[in-house]
Amino acid sequence: MNLVRLHPRPVTGLIRRDLDRSASRRFGCAPDETGVADWAPAVDIIEEKDRFVLRADIPGVERDAIDVSMDDGVLSVSGERRREQSDEFDGLQRLERADGRFLRRFTLPETADAEGITAKSANGILEITILKLPEVQARRIDIEAA
């Protein structure tokens, strides 16, 4: 006989989240602001000699629905993917792709140039390029005789 431990809080939390999400969609009201995001895209972070590159998988997200911003050394990538609604329903339905709001935040190192950030989106991949600041070399100071 296998014993299964019951964790009522997480289950009720998931049920509440799903009910809140479906109610906000059905009645057109704003979703609960306590939740930051409905899903999080996978992101690759690559450091090169002169730049950082972030690549996020966001298929099905329109370019106009993506927001990339920088504030106090934190890069934020947010947006929303909407599910296509169909009034015609005949048969079973299995939905595995996440929809709704997403948000990812990245604390950038001091070597990142906040003014040198560019973003482009193609084929469901958002690519953000962050240039590095030129390295500041220590300067030797000559001591003169008095």
C-alpha atoms as a PDB file:
ATOM      1  CA  MET A   1       0.000   0.000   0.000  1.00  0.00           C
ATOM      2  CA  ASN A   2       1.417   3.367  -1.012  1.00  0.00           C
ATOM      3  CA  LEU A   3       0.932   6.366   1.227  1.00  0.00           C
ATOM      4  CA  VAL A   4       0.314   9.680  -0.466  1.00  0.00           C
ATOM      5  CA  ARG A   5       0.851  12.899   1.421  1.00  0.00           C
ATOM      6  CA  LEU A   6      -1.882  15.492   0.873  1.00  0.00           C
ATOM      7  CA  HIS A   7      -0.844  19.115   0.466  1.00  0.00           C
ATOM      8  CA  PRO A   8      -4.122  21.091   0.468  1.00  0.00           C
ATOM      9  CA  ARG A   9      -2.627  24.582   0.274  1.00  0.00           C
ATOM     10  CA  PRO A  10      -0.826  24.240  -3.068  1.00  0.00           C
ATOM     11  CA  VAL A  11      -3.803  22.491  -4.649  1.00  0.00           C
ATOM     12  CA  THR A  12      -6.249  25.147  -3.453  1.00  0.00           C
ATOM     13  CA  GLY A  13      -3.859  27.836  -4.624  1.00  0.00           C
ATOM     14  CA  LEU A  14      -3.763  26.307  -8.101  1.00  0.00           C
ATOM     15  CA  ILE A  15      -7.535  26.009  -8.195  1.00  0.00           C
ATOM     16  CA  ARG A  16      -7.950  29.636  -7.068  1.00  0.00           C
ATOM     17  CA  ARG A  17      -5.460  30.819  -9.713  1.00  0.00           C
ATOM     18  CA  ASP A  18      -7.273  28.902 -12.470  1.00  0.00           C
ATOM     19  CA  LEU A  19     -10.670  30.195 -11.340  1.00  0.00           C
ATOM     20  CA  ASP A  20      -9.397  33.773 -11.177  1.00  0.00           C
ATOM     21  CA  ARG A  21      -7.873  33.438 -14.635  1.00  0.00           C
ATOM     22  CA  SER A  22     -11.034  32.003 -16.201  1.00  0.00           C
ATOM     23  CA  ALA A  23     -13.245  34.594 -14.479  1.00  0.00           C
ATOM     24  CA  SER A  24     -11.079  37.461 -15.694  1.00  0.00           C
ATOM     25  CA  ARG A  25     -11.273  36.149 -19.272  1.00  0.00           C
ATOM     26  CA  ARG A  26     -14.986  35.427 -19.177  1.00  0.00           C
ATOM     27  CA  PHE A  27     -16.054  38.741 -17.649  1.00  0.00           C
ATOM     28  CA  GLY A  28     -13.396  40.939 -19.203  1.00  0.00           C
ATOM     29  CA  CYS A  29     -12.070  42.231 -15.883  1.00  0.00           C
ATOM     30  CA  ALA A  30      -8.425  42.689 -14.969  1.00  0.00           C
ATOM     31  CA  PRO A  31      -6.662  39.609 -13.624  1.00  0.00           C
ATOM     32  CA  ASP A  32      -5.501  39.506 -10.029  1.00  0.00           C
ATOM     33  CA  GLU A  33      -2.451  41.760  -9.779  1.00  0.00           C
ATOM     34  CA  THR A  34      -0.789  39.576  -7.141  1.00  0.00           C
ATOM     35  CA  GLY A  35       0.333  37.172  -9.860  1.00  0.00           C
ATOM     36  CA  VAL A  36       3.258  38.539 -11.841  1.00  0.00           C
ATOM     37  CA  ALA A  37       2.940  36.284 -14.858  1.00  0.00           C
ATOM     38  CA  ASP A  38       1.021  33.330 -16.218  1.00  0.00           C
ATOM     39  CA  TRP A  39       4.086  31.750 -17.845  1.00  0.00           C
ATOM     40  CA  ALA A  40       7.796  32.366 -18.359  1.00  0.00           C
ATOM     41  CA  PRO A  41       9.596  31.922 -21.671  1.00  0.00           C
ATOM     42  CA  ALA A  42      12.859  29.963 -21.771  1.00  0.00           C
ATOM     43  CA  VAL A  43      15.869  32.263 -22.175  1.00  0.00           C
ATOM     44  CA  ASP A  44      19.452  31.623 -23.277  1.00  0.00           C
ATOM     45  CA  ILE A  45      22.064  34.097 -21.998  1.00  0.00           C
ATOM     46  CA  ILE A  46      25.358  34.312 -23.849  1.00  0.00           C
ATOM     47  CA  GLU A  47      28.332  36.472 -22.886  1.00  0.00           C
ATOM     48  CA  GLU A  48      30.662  37.417 -25.696  1.00  0.00           C
ATOM     49  CA  LYS A  49      33.782  39.569 -25.676  1.00  0.00           C
ATOM     50  CA  ASP A  50      31.991  42.840 -26.410  1.00  0.00           C
ATOM     51  CA  ARG A  51      28.321  42.105 -25.661  1.00  0.00           C
ATOM     52  CA  PHE A  52      25.673  40.018 -23.913  1.00  0.00           C
ATOM     53  CA  VAL A  53      22.974  38.262 -25.954  1.00  0.00           C
ATOM     54  CA  LEU A  54      19.626  37.069 -24.559  1.00  0.00           C
ATOM     55  CA  ARG A  55      17.423  34.831 -26.694  1.00  0.00           C
ATOM     56  CA  ALA A  56      13.877  34.159 -25.497  1.00  0.00           C
ATOM     57  CA  ASP A  57      11.457  31.612 -26.974  1.00  0.00           C
ATOM     58  CA  ILE A  58       8.162  33.440 -27.449  1.00  0.00           C
ATOM     59  CA  PRO A  59       6.363  31.804 -30.381  1.00  0.00           C
ATOM     60  CA  GLY A  60       2.927  33.149 -31.082  1.00  0.00           C
ATOM     61  CA  VAL A  61       3.588  36.511 -29.406  1.00  0.00           C
ATOM     62  CA  GLU A  62       3.079  39.500 -31.661  1.00  0.00           C
ATOM     63  CA  ARG A  63       5.950  42.003 -31.787  1.00  0.00           C
ATOM     64  CA  ASP A  64       3.615  44.789 -30.629  1.00  0.00           C
ATOM     65  CA  ALA A  65       2.705  42.741 -27.517  1.00  0.00           C
ATOM     66  CA  ILE A  66       6.330  42.642 -26.261  1.00  0.00           C
ATOM     67  CA  ASP A  67       7.831  45.256 -23.945  1.00  0.00           C
ATOM     68  CA  VAL A  68      11.564  45.459 -23.241  1.00  0.00           C
ATOM     69  CA  SER A  69      12.657  48.036 -20.662  1.00  0.00           C
ATOM     70  CA  MET A  70      15.675  48.890 -18.535  1.00  0.00           C
ATOM     71  CA  ASP A  71      15.469  50.453 -15.072  1.00  0.00           C
ATOM     72  CA  ASP A  72      18.151  50.657 -12.360  1.00  0.00           C
ATOM     73  CA  GLY A  73      20.290  47.924 -13.889  1.00  0.00           C
ATOM     74  CA  VAL A  74      17.355  45.529 -14.338  1.00  0.00           C
ATOM     75  CA  LEU A  75      16.273  44.465 -17.818  1.00  0.00           C
ATOM     76  CA  SER A  76      12.569  43.514 -17.980  1.00  0.00           C
ATOM     77  CA  VAL A  77      10.987  41.547 -20.803  1.00  0.00           C
ATOM     78  CA  SER A  78       7.210  41.269 -20.668  1.00  0.00           C
ATOM     79  CA  GLY A  79       4.273  40.694 -22.947  1.00  0.00           C
ATOM     80  CA  GLU A  80       1.231  38.605 -23.586  1.00  0.00           C
ATOM     81  CA  ARG A  81       0.299  35.668 -25.769  1.00  0.00           C
ATOM     82  CA  ARG A  82      -3.399  35.365 -26.486  1.00  0.00           C
ATOM     83  CA  ARG A  83      -5.171  32.138 -27.244  1.00  0.00           C
ATOM     84  CA  GLU A  84      -7.317  32.046 -30.331  1.00  0.00           C
ATOM     85  CA  GLN A  85     -10.915  31.797 -29.166  1.00  0.00           C
ATOM     86  CA  SER A  86     -13.303  29.714 -31.185  1.00  0.00           C
ATOM     87  CA  ASP A  87     -17.043  29.680 -30.649  1.00  0.00           C
ATOM     88  CA  GLU A  88     -17.284  26.421 -32.523  1.00  0.00           C
ATOM     89  CA  PHE A  89     -16.515  23.479 -30.295  1.00  0.00           C
ATOM     90  CA  ASP A  90     -17.212  19.974 -31.434  1.00  0.00           C
ATOM     91  CA  GLY A  91     -15.291  17.231 -29.687  1.00  0.00           C
ATOM     92  CA  LEU A  92     -12.388  17.034 -27.320  1.00  0.00           C
ATOM     93  CA  GLN A  93      -9.882  19.728 -26.711  1.00  0.00           C
ATOM     94  CA  ARG A  94      -6.406  19.457 -25.170  1.00  0.00           C
ATOM     95  CA  LEU A  95      -4.529  22.690 -24.679  1.00  0.00           C
ATOM     96  CA  GLU A  96      -0.870  22.476 -23.667  1.00  0.00           C
ATOM     97  CA  ARG A  97       0.577  25.773 -24.866  1.00  0.00           C
ATOM     98  CA  ALA A  98       0.640  28.456 -22.186  1.00  0.00           C
ATOM     99  CA  ASP A  99      -1.083  31.740 -22.820  1.00  0.00           C
ATOM    100  CA  GLY A 100      -1.478  34.963 -20.879  1.00  0.00           C
ATOM    101  CA  ARG A 101       1.065  37.402 -19.496  1.00  0.00           C
ATOM    102  CA  PHE A 102       4.766  36.693 -19.173  1.00  0.00           C
ATOM    103  CA  LEU A 103       7.574  38.524 -17.410  1.00  0.00           C
ATOM    104  CA  ARG A 104      11.296  37.892 -17.071  1.00  0.00           C
ATOM    105  CA  ARG A 105      13.731  40.192 -15.250  1.00  0.00           C
ATOM    106  CA  PHE A 106      17.522  40.144 -15.441  1.00  0.00           C
ATOM    107  CA  THR A 107      19.960  42.071 -13.283  1.00  0.00           C
ATOM    108  CA  LEU A 108      22.675  43.325 -15.581  1.00  0.00           C
ATOM    109  CA  PRO A 109      26.329  43.548 -14.560  1.00  0.00           C
ATOM    110  CA  GLU A 110      28.034  46.916 -14.194  1.00  0.00           C
ATOM    111  CA  THR A 111      29.832  46.308 -17.490  1.00  0.00           C
ATOM    112  CA  ALA A 112      26.527  46.475 -19.427  1.00  0.00           C
ATOM    113  CA  ASP A 113      25.871  49.630 -21.428  1.00  0.00           C
ATOM    114  CA  ALA A 114      22.279  50.693 -20.727  1.00  0.00           C
ATOM    115  CA  GLU A 115      22.296  52.908 -23.826  1.00  0.00           C
ATOM    116  CA  GLY A 116      23.525  50.113 -26.089  1.00  0.00           C
ATOM    117  CA  ILE A 117      20.535  47.749 -25.894  1.00  0.00           C
ATOM    118  CA  THR A 118      18.795  46.567 -29.046  1.00  0.00           C
ATOM    119  CA  ALA A 119      16.046  43.991 -29.573  1.00  0.00           C
ATOM    120  CA  LYS A 120      14.698  42.138 -32.582  1.00  0.00           C
ATOM    121  CA  SER A 121      12.098  39.429 -33.029  1.00  0.00           C
ATOM    122  CA  ALA A 122      11.996  36.792 -35.757  1.00  0.00           C
ATOM    123  CA  ASN A 123      10.540  33.291 -36.042  1.00  0.00           C
ATOM    124  CA  GLY A 124       9.290  33.259 -32.444  1.00  0.00           C
ATOM    125  CA  ILE A 125      12.654  34.194 -30.937  1.00  0.00           C
ATOM    126  CA  LEU A 126      13.291  37.536 -29.266  1.00  0.00           C
ATOM    127  CA  GLU A 127      16.980  38.473 -29.364  1.00  0.00           C
ATOM    128  CA  ILE A 128      18.223  41.243 -27.086  1.00  0.00           C
ATOM    129  CA  THR A 129      21.765  42.510 -27.514  1.00  0.00           C
ATOM    130  CA  ILE A 130      23.425  44.473 -24.709  1.00  0.00           C
ATOM    131  CA  LEU A 131      26.761  46.059 -25.513  1.00  0.00           C
ATOM    132  CA  LYS A 132      29.506  46.111 -22.896  1.00  0.00           C
ATOM    133  CA  LEU A 133      31.111  49.327 -21.714  1.00  0.00           C
ATOM    134  CA  PRO A 134      34.725  49.752 -22.738  1.00  0.00           C
ATOM    135  CA  GLU A 135      37.005  48.503 -19.998  1.00  0.00           C
ATOM    136  CA  VAL A 136      38.479  51.216 -17.868  1.00  0.00           C
ATOM    137  CA  GLN A 137      42.194  50.643 -17.584  1.00  0.00           C
ATOM    138  CA  ALA A 138      44.042  51.580 -14.421  1.00  0.00           C
ATOM    139  CA  ARG A 139      46.254  54.576 -15.063  1.00  0.00           C
ATOM    140  CA  ARG A 140      49.704  54.871 -13.609  1.00  0.00           C
ATOM    141  CA  ILE A 141      50.389  58.236 -12.030  1.00  0.00           C
ATOM    142  CA  ASP A 142      53.943  59.503 -12.147  1.00  0.00           C
ATOM    143  CA  ILE A 143      55.334  61.040  -8.986  1.00  0.00           C
ATOM    144  CA  GLU A 144      57.264  64.221  -9.543  1.00  0.00           C
ATOM    145  CA  ALA A 145      60.126  65.415  -7.436  1.00  0.00           C
ATOM    146  CA  ALA A 146      59.299  68.409  -5.264  1.00  0.00           C
END
